[in-house]
Amino acid sequence: MDKKTVFKVICLTVASIILIFISIHGSTKAEANPVSTDPITTGRVAELITSEVTEVKEAVTKDDLENLVTKEDMQVLRKEVQSLNMSADQAIKELNEKIQELMDIQAEQQQKVDADSEAYKFIKLDNDTRDLTAWVIALEATDQPLVGKRAVFEIICNRVEEEEWGKDIKAVLTSQGQFKAYEELMKYRRGERGSLWSKPTQEDYDVIDYVLEHGRTILPKGYVFFATYKANGTDFIQIQKHYFSRKAKD
C-alpha cells in the first residue's frame, strides 16, 4: 500500500465524519427553520464517502498506517490545517475591513448629499432680484434644457458661496463683465437696443425656486464658470452647448 493511498483513506475518513456531523446538525436546525435542499444532501455525500472509505480500508493494514504515516506526516498535516484556518481568518478580516470601508464611503456620500441639499438655503431673494435672475437665466440659457438652466443658476449660487464676485445674487449678476445677459438687459431697459433674443417664462422662475429649495443637484461644489466653449477653469462638464467648470488650482 503506497503513501498516497493511505493519505486518501485518512482524508476521506475525516471528510466523512465532518459531513455526517453537518448532516445531523443541519437537520436539527431545519426543524426550526426549514430550508430547501439540493437533490444530493450532505447525508448522501457522507454515505458515498463512507462506502468508498470502506472499500479502500479493506486493503490497508495497521502495519501500513504505522509504517507510512509518520509523525512528520502528521505535523505536516497539522500545519496545513492551521494554514487553512489562518487563511480563512484573514479572508474574514479583510472582508470585514472592506465592508467597513464601503460603509464609511456611503456615510461620507450621504453627508455630501445632505450638505448639497442645504447649500443655498442662506440665499434670499426679493421680488426685483428674482425677476432679474429669471431674465438672466432665460437669456444665458436660451434653447437649453431644464437641466441646463438649473446648472446656470447653480453657477450663480456657487459664486455667492465663493464671495469672490459678491455676497448676494444681485451683486454677482451685476459684477462688471461677468454676465453678458445682464449687460444686454440693461441696454434694452435703457432703450439702447430694440429687442432681446429671449424673455423669461414660468419655467425660469421655477428653476430659481427649485435650486434654492433642493440645493446642488447638477454641478459639484466649486463650479463657478460656464461658457459656450472651454474657456476658464478646469474639470469641464458639458450640457448641450454650455461647458461648466471649476477654478483651476494654483
Protein backbone atom coordinates (compact mmCIF):
# COMPACT_ATOMS: atom_id res chain seq x y z
CA MET A 1 0.00 0.00 0.00
CA ASP A 2 1.58 3.31 -1.08
CA LYS A 3 1.65 6.51 0.90
CA LYS A 4 -0.74 8.32 -1.41
CA THR A 5 -3.44 5.71 -0.87
CA VAL A 6 -3.08 5.84 2.91
CA PHE A 7 -3.49 9.60 2.94
CA LYS A 8 -6.54 9.21 0.76
CA VAL A 9 -8.04 6.93 3.39
CA ILE A 10 -7.30 9.42 6.16
CA CYS A 11 -8.69 12.42 4.28
CA LEU A 12 -11.83 10.58 3.18
CA THR A 13 -12.44 9.31 6.69
CA VAL A 14 -12.12 12.83 8.18
CA ALA A 15 -14.35 14.26 5.47
CA SER A 16 -16.94 11.58 6.13
CA ILE A 17 -17.03 12.32 9.85
CA ILE A 18 -17.35 16.08 9.25
CA LEU A 19 -20.12 15.74 6.69
CA ILE A 20 -22.08 13.30 8.83
CA PHE A 21 -21.89 15.79 11.69
CA ILE A 22 -23.02 18.63 9.39
CA SER A 23 -25.88 16.49 8.11
CA ILE A 24 -27.13 15.68 11.62
CA HIS A 25 -26.56 19.22 12.88
CA GLY A 26 -28.18 20.75 9.80
CA SER A 27 -31.26 18.55 10.06
CA THR A 28 -31.78 19.70 13.65
CA LYS A 29 -31.71 23.33 12.55
CA ALA A 30 -34.02 22.57 9.66
CA GLU A 31 -36.80 21.54 12.04
CA ALA A 32 -36.87 25.06 13.46
CA ASN A 33 -36.12 26.86 10.24
CA PRO A 34 -36.79 24.63 7.21
CA VAL A 35 -34.94 25.48 4.02
CA SER A 36 -34.80 23.95 0.57
CA THR A 37 -32.07 21.36 -0.06
CA ASP A 38 -30.26 20.15 -3.15
CA PRO A 39 -31.03 16.66 -4.54
CA ILE A 40 -27.67 15.42 -3.20
CA THR A 41 -27.71 16.09 0.54
CA THR A 42 -24.73 16.12 2.86
CA GLY A 43 -26.04 12.88 4.31
CA ARG A 44 -25.93 11.26 0.90
CA VAL A 45 -22.43 12.60 0.25
CA ALA A 46 -21.28 11.20 3.58
CA GLU A 47 -22.81 7.85 2.67
CA LEU A 48 -20.92 7.75 -0.62
CA ILE A 49 -17.65 8.73 1.02
CA THR A 50 -18.11 6.17 3.78
CA SER A 51 -18.70 3.50 1.16
CA GLU A 52 -15.52 4.41 -0.68
CA VAL A 53 -13.52 4.52 2.56
CA THR A 54 -14.77 1.04 3.48
CA GLU A 55 -13.63 -0.37 0.15
CA VAL A 56 -10.18 1.17 0.40
CA LYS A 57 -9.70 0.33 4.09
CA GLU A 58 -10.06 -3.37 3.36
CA ALA A 59 -6.66 -3.22 1.67
CA VAL A 60 -4.99 -1.20 4.44
CA THR A 61 -3.47 -2.90 7.48
CA LYS A 62 -2.39 -1.47 10.78
CA ASP A 63 1.22 -2.02 9.78
CA ASP A 64 0.65 0.07 6.65
CA LEU A 65 -0.53 3.01 8.73
CA GLU A 66 2.28 2.72 11.28
CA ASN A 67 4.93 2.39 8.59
CA LEU A 68 3.69 5.02 6.18
CA VAL A 69 2.04 7.71 8.36
CA THR A 70 4.93 9.09 10.38
CA LYS A 71 4.96 11.82 13.00
CA GLU A 72 6.44 14.11 10.40
CA ASP A 73 3.48 13.43 8.14
CA MET A 74 1.05 14.30 10.93
CA GLN A 75 2.96 17.50 11.68
CA VAL A 76 2.73 18.50 8.03
CA LEU A 77 -0.98 17.75 8.08
CA ARG A 78 -1.48 19.83 11.23
CA LYS A 79 0.42 22.75 9.67
CA GLU A 80 -1.75 22.54 6.58
CA VAL A 81 -4.90 22.65 8.70
CA GLN A 82 -3.53 25.60 10.70
CA SER A 83 -2.65 27.36 7.46
CA LEU A 84 -6.18 26.86 6.16
CA ASN A 85 -7.63 28.23 9.40
CA MET A 86 -5.34 31.26 9.25
CA SER A 87 -6.26 31.85 5.62
CA ALA A 88 -9.95 31.73 6.49
CA ASP A 89 -9.47 34.13 9.41
CA GLN A 90 -7.51 36.53 7.20
CA ALA A 91 -10.18 36.40 4.49
CA ILE A 92 -12.89 37.15 7.04
CA LYS A 93 -10.84 40.01 8.47
CA GLU A 94 -10.24 41.52 5.02
CA LEU A 95 -13.93 41.15 4.15
CA ASN A 96 -14.96 42.96 7.34
CA GLU A 97 -12.47 45.73 6.61
CA LYS A 98 -13.87 46.11 3.09
CA ILE A 99 -17.43 46.23 4.41
CA GLN A 100 -16.43 48.94 6.90
CA GLU A 101 -14.68 50.87 4.12
CA LEU A 102 -17.81 50.76 1.96
CA MET A 103 -19.96 51.85 4.91
CA ASP A 104 -17.63 54.79 5.55
CA ILE A 105 -17.82 55.80 1.87
CA GLN A 106 -21.60 55.55 1.95
CA ALA A 107 -21.77 57.70 5.08
CA GLU A 108 -19.44 60.27 3.52
CA GLN A 109 -21.53 60.38 0.35
CA GLN A 110 -24.72 60.80 2.38
CA GLN A 111 -23.14 63.68 4.28
CA LYS A 112 -22.23 65.30 0.97
CA VAL A 113 -25.77 64.83 -0.35
CA ASP A 114 -27.18 66.36 2.83
CA ALA A 115 -24.75 69.28 2.60
CA ASP A 116 -25.53 69.86 -1.09
CA SER A 117 -29.27 69.85 -0.44
CA GLU A 118 -28.82 72.62 2.13
CA ALA A 119 -26.22 74.54 0.12
CA TYR A 120 -28.33 77.53 -0.93
CA LYS A 121 -30.74 77.85 1.99
CA PHE A 122 -28.93 81.01 3.09
CA ILE A 123 -29.68 82.83 -0.18
CA LYS A 124 -32.64 85.21 -0.04
CA LEU A 125 -34.23 86.99 -2.99
CA ASP A 126 -36.56 89.96 -3.09
CA ASN A 127 -39.02 90.22 -5.98
CA ASP A 128 -36.86 92.57 -8.06
CA THR A 129 -33.78 90.33 -7.75
CA ARG A 130 -35.91 87.26 -8.53
CA ASP A 131 -37.15 88.93 -11.72
CA LEU A 132 -33.62 89.96 -12.67
CA THR A 133 -32.39 86.39 -12.08
CA ALA A 134 -35.16 84.94 -14.26
CA TRP A 135 -34.17 87.29 -17.09
CA VAL A 136 -30.52 86.31 -16.83
CA ILE A 137 -31.36 82.58 -16.83
CA ALA A 138 -33.64 82.99 -19.84
CA LEU A 139 -31.02 84.94 -21.80
CA GLU A 140 -27.96 82.91 -20.79
CA ALA A 141 -29.66 79.51 -21.24
CA THR A 142 -31.71 80.19 -24.36
CA ASP A 143 -32.73 76.92 -26.06
CA GLN A 144 -31.15 74.96 -23.20
CA PRO A 145 -33.00 72.09 -21.47
CA LEU A 146 -34.25 72.38 -17.92
CA VAL A 147 -31.09 70.77 -16.56
CA GLY A 148 -29.01 73.38 -18.40
CA LYS A 149 -31.00 76.23 -16.88
CA ARG A 150 -30.61 74.80 -13.41
CA ALA A 151 -26.87 74.46 -13.98
CA VAL A 152 -26.62 78.14 -14.95
CA PHE A 153 -28.39 79.19 -11.76
CA GLU A 154 -26.22 76.83 -9.70
CA ILE A 155 -23.18 78.66 -11.10
CA ILE A 156 -24.67 81.93 -9.86
CA CYS A 157 -25.37 80.46 -6.42
CA ASN A 158 -21.89 78.92 -6.22
CA ARG A 159 -20.45 82.34 -6.89
CA VAL A 160 -22.40 83.71 -3.95
CA GLU A 161 -20.86 80.95 -1.83
CA GLU A 162 -17.38 81.86 -3.03
CA GLU A 163 -17.99 85.60 -2.31
CA GLU A 164 -15.39 86.49 -4.94
CA TRP A 165 -17.99 88.16 -7.19
CA GLY A 166 -20.31 89.43 -4.46
CA LYS A 167 -22.09 88.22 -1.35
CA ASP A 168 -25.60 88.04 -2.80
CA ILE A 169 -27.33 87.21 -6.08
CA LYS A 170 -27.71 90.79 -7.25
CA ALA A 171 -24.06 91.59 -6.59
CA VAL A 172 -22.98 88.50 -8.54
CA LEU A 173 -25.25 89.29 -11.52
CA THR A 174 -24.19 92.92 -11.70
CA SER A 175 -20.47 92.21 -11.28
CA GLN A 176 -18.74 94.03 -14.13
CA GLY A 177 -18.01 91.98 -17.23
CA GLN A 178 -19.37 88.72 -15.84
CA PHE A 179 -22.82 88.18 -17.36
CA LYS A 180 -23.44 89.36 -20.89
CA ALA A 181 -27.16 88.71 -20.42
CA TYR A 182 -27.33 91.29 -17.63
CA GLU A 183 -25.45 93.90 -19.67
CA GLU A 184 -27.74 93.40 -22.68
CA LEU A 185 -30.82 93.54 -20.46
CA MET A 186 -29.68 96.89 -19.08
CA LYS A 187 -29.16 98.21 -22.61
CA TYR A 188 -32.68 97.05 -23.51
CA ARG A 189 -34.18 98.76 -20.47
CA ARG A 190 -32.30 101.96 -21.27
CA GLY A 191 -33.61 101.85 -24.82
CA GLU A 192 -30.17 101.23 -26.32
CA ARG A 193 -31.33 98.11 -28.15
CA GLY A 194 -34.67 97.33 -29.70
CA SER A 195 -35.25 93.75 -28.55
CA LEU A 196 -33.78 90.76 -26.78
CA TRP A 197 -33.38 87.20 -28.05
CA SER A 198 -35.41 85.72 -25.21
CA LYS A 199 -37.55 86.54 -22.20
CA PRO A 200 -38.32 84.65 -19.01
CA THR A 201 -41.15 82.14 -18.73
CA GLN A 202 -42.64 80.38 -15.72
CA GLU A 203 -40.01 77.66 -16.19
CA ASP A 204 -37.23 80.14 -15.41
CA TYR A 205 -38.93 81.19 -12.17
CA ASP A 206 -39.47 77.52 -11.30
CA VAL A 207 -35.74 76.92 -11.83
CA ILE A 208 -34.96 79.56 -9.22
CA ASP A 209 -37.36 78.09 -6.68
CA TYR A 210 -36.20 74.52 -7.30
CA VAL A 211 -32.48 75.22 -6.95
CA LEU A 212 -32.89 77.31 -3.81
CA GLU A 213 -35.03 74.56 -2.28
CA HIS A 214 -33.02 71.47 -3.32
CA GLY A 215 -29.50 72.89 -3.49
CA ARG A 216 -26.82 71.42 -5.75
CA THR A 217 -28.30 68.71 -7.97
CA ILE A 218 -26.41 69.25 -11.24
CA LEU A 219 -22.91 70.58 -10.61
CA PRO A 220 -20.39 69.87 -7.83
CA LYS A 221 -19.39 72.46 -5.29
CA GLY A 222 -16.88 74.99 -6.61
CA TYR A 223 -18.15 75.17 -10.20
CA VAL A 224 -18.27 78.90 -10.94
CA PHE A 225 -17.70 79.26 -14.70
CA PHE A 226 -19.69 78.50 -17.82
CA ALA A 227 -19.38 79.38 -21.49
CA THR A 228 -20.22 78.05 -24.94
CA TYR A 229 -16.63 76.81 -25.26
CA LYS A 230 -13.90 75.58 -22.90
CA ALA A 231 -12.77 78.90 -21.52
CA ASN A 232 -11.88 79.44 -17.87
CA GLY A 233 -11.29 76.76 -15.28
CA THR A 234 -10.84 73.02 -15.36
CA ASP A 235 -12.79 69.72 -14.98
CA PHE A 236 -15.28 70.69 -17.66
CA ILE A 237 -18.82 69.33 -17.70
CA GLN A 238 -20.77 69.77 -20.92
CA ILE A 239 -24.53 70.21 -21.02
CA GLN A 240 -25.54 70.69 -24.63
CA LYS A 241 -23.96 73.98 -25.78
CA HIS A 242 -22.52 75.01 -22.42
CA TYR A 243 -19.29 73.99 -20.70
CA PHE A 244 -19.27 74.31 -16.90
CA SER A 245 -16.03 74.32 -14.89
CA ARG A 246 -14.39 74.95 -11.54
CA LYS A 247 -11.45 77.25 -10.82
CA ALA A 248 -8.08 75.78 -11.72
CA LYS A 249 -5.87 75.02 -8.74
CA ASP A 250 -2.89 77.33 -8.27
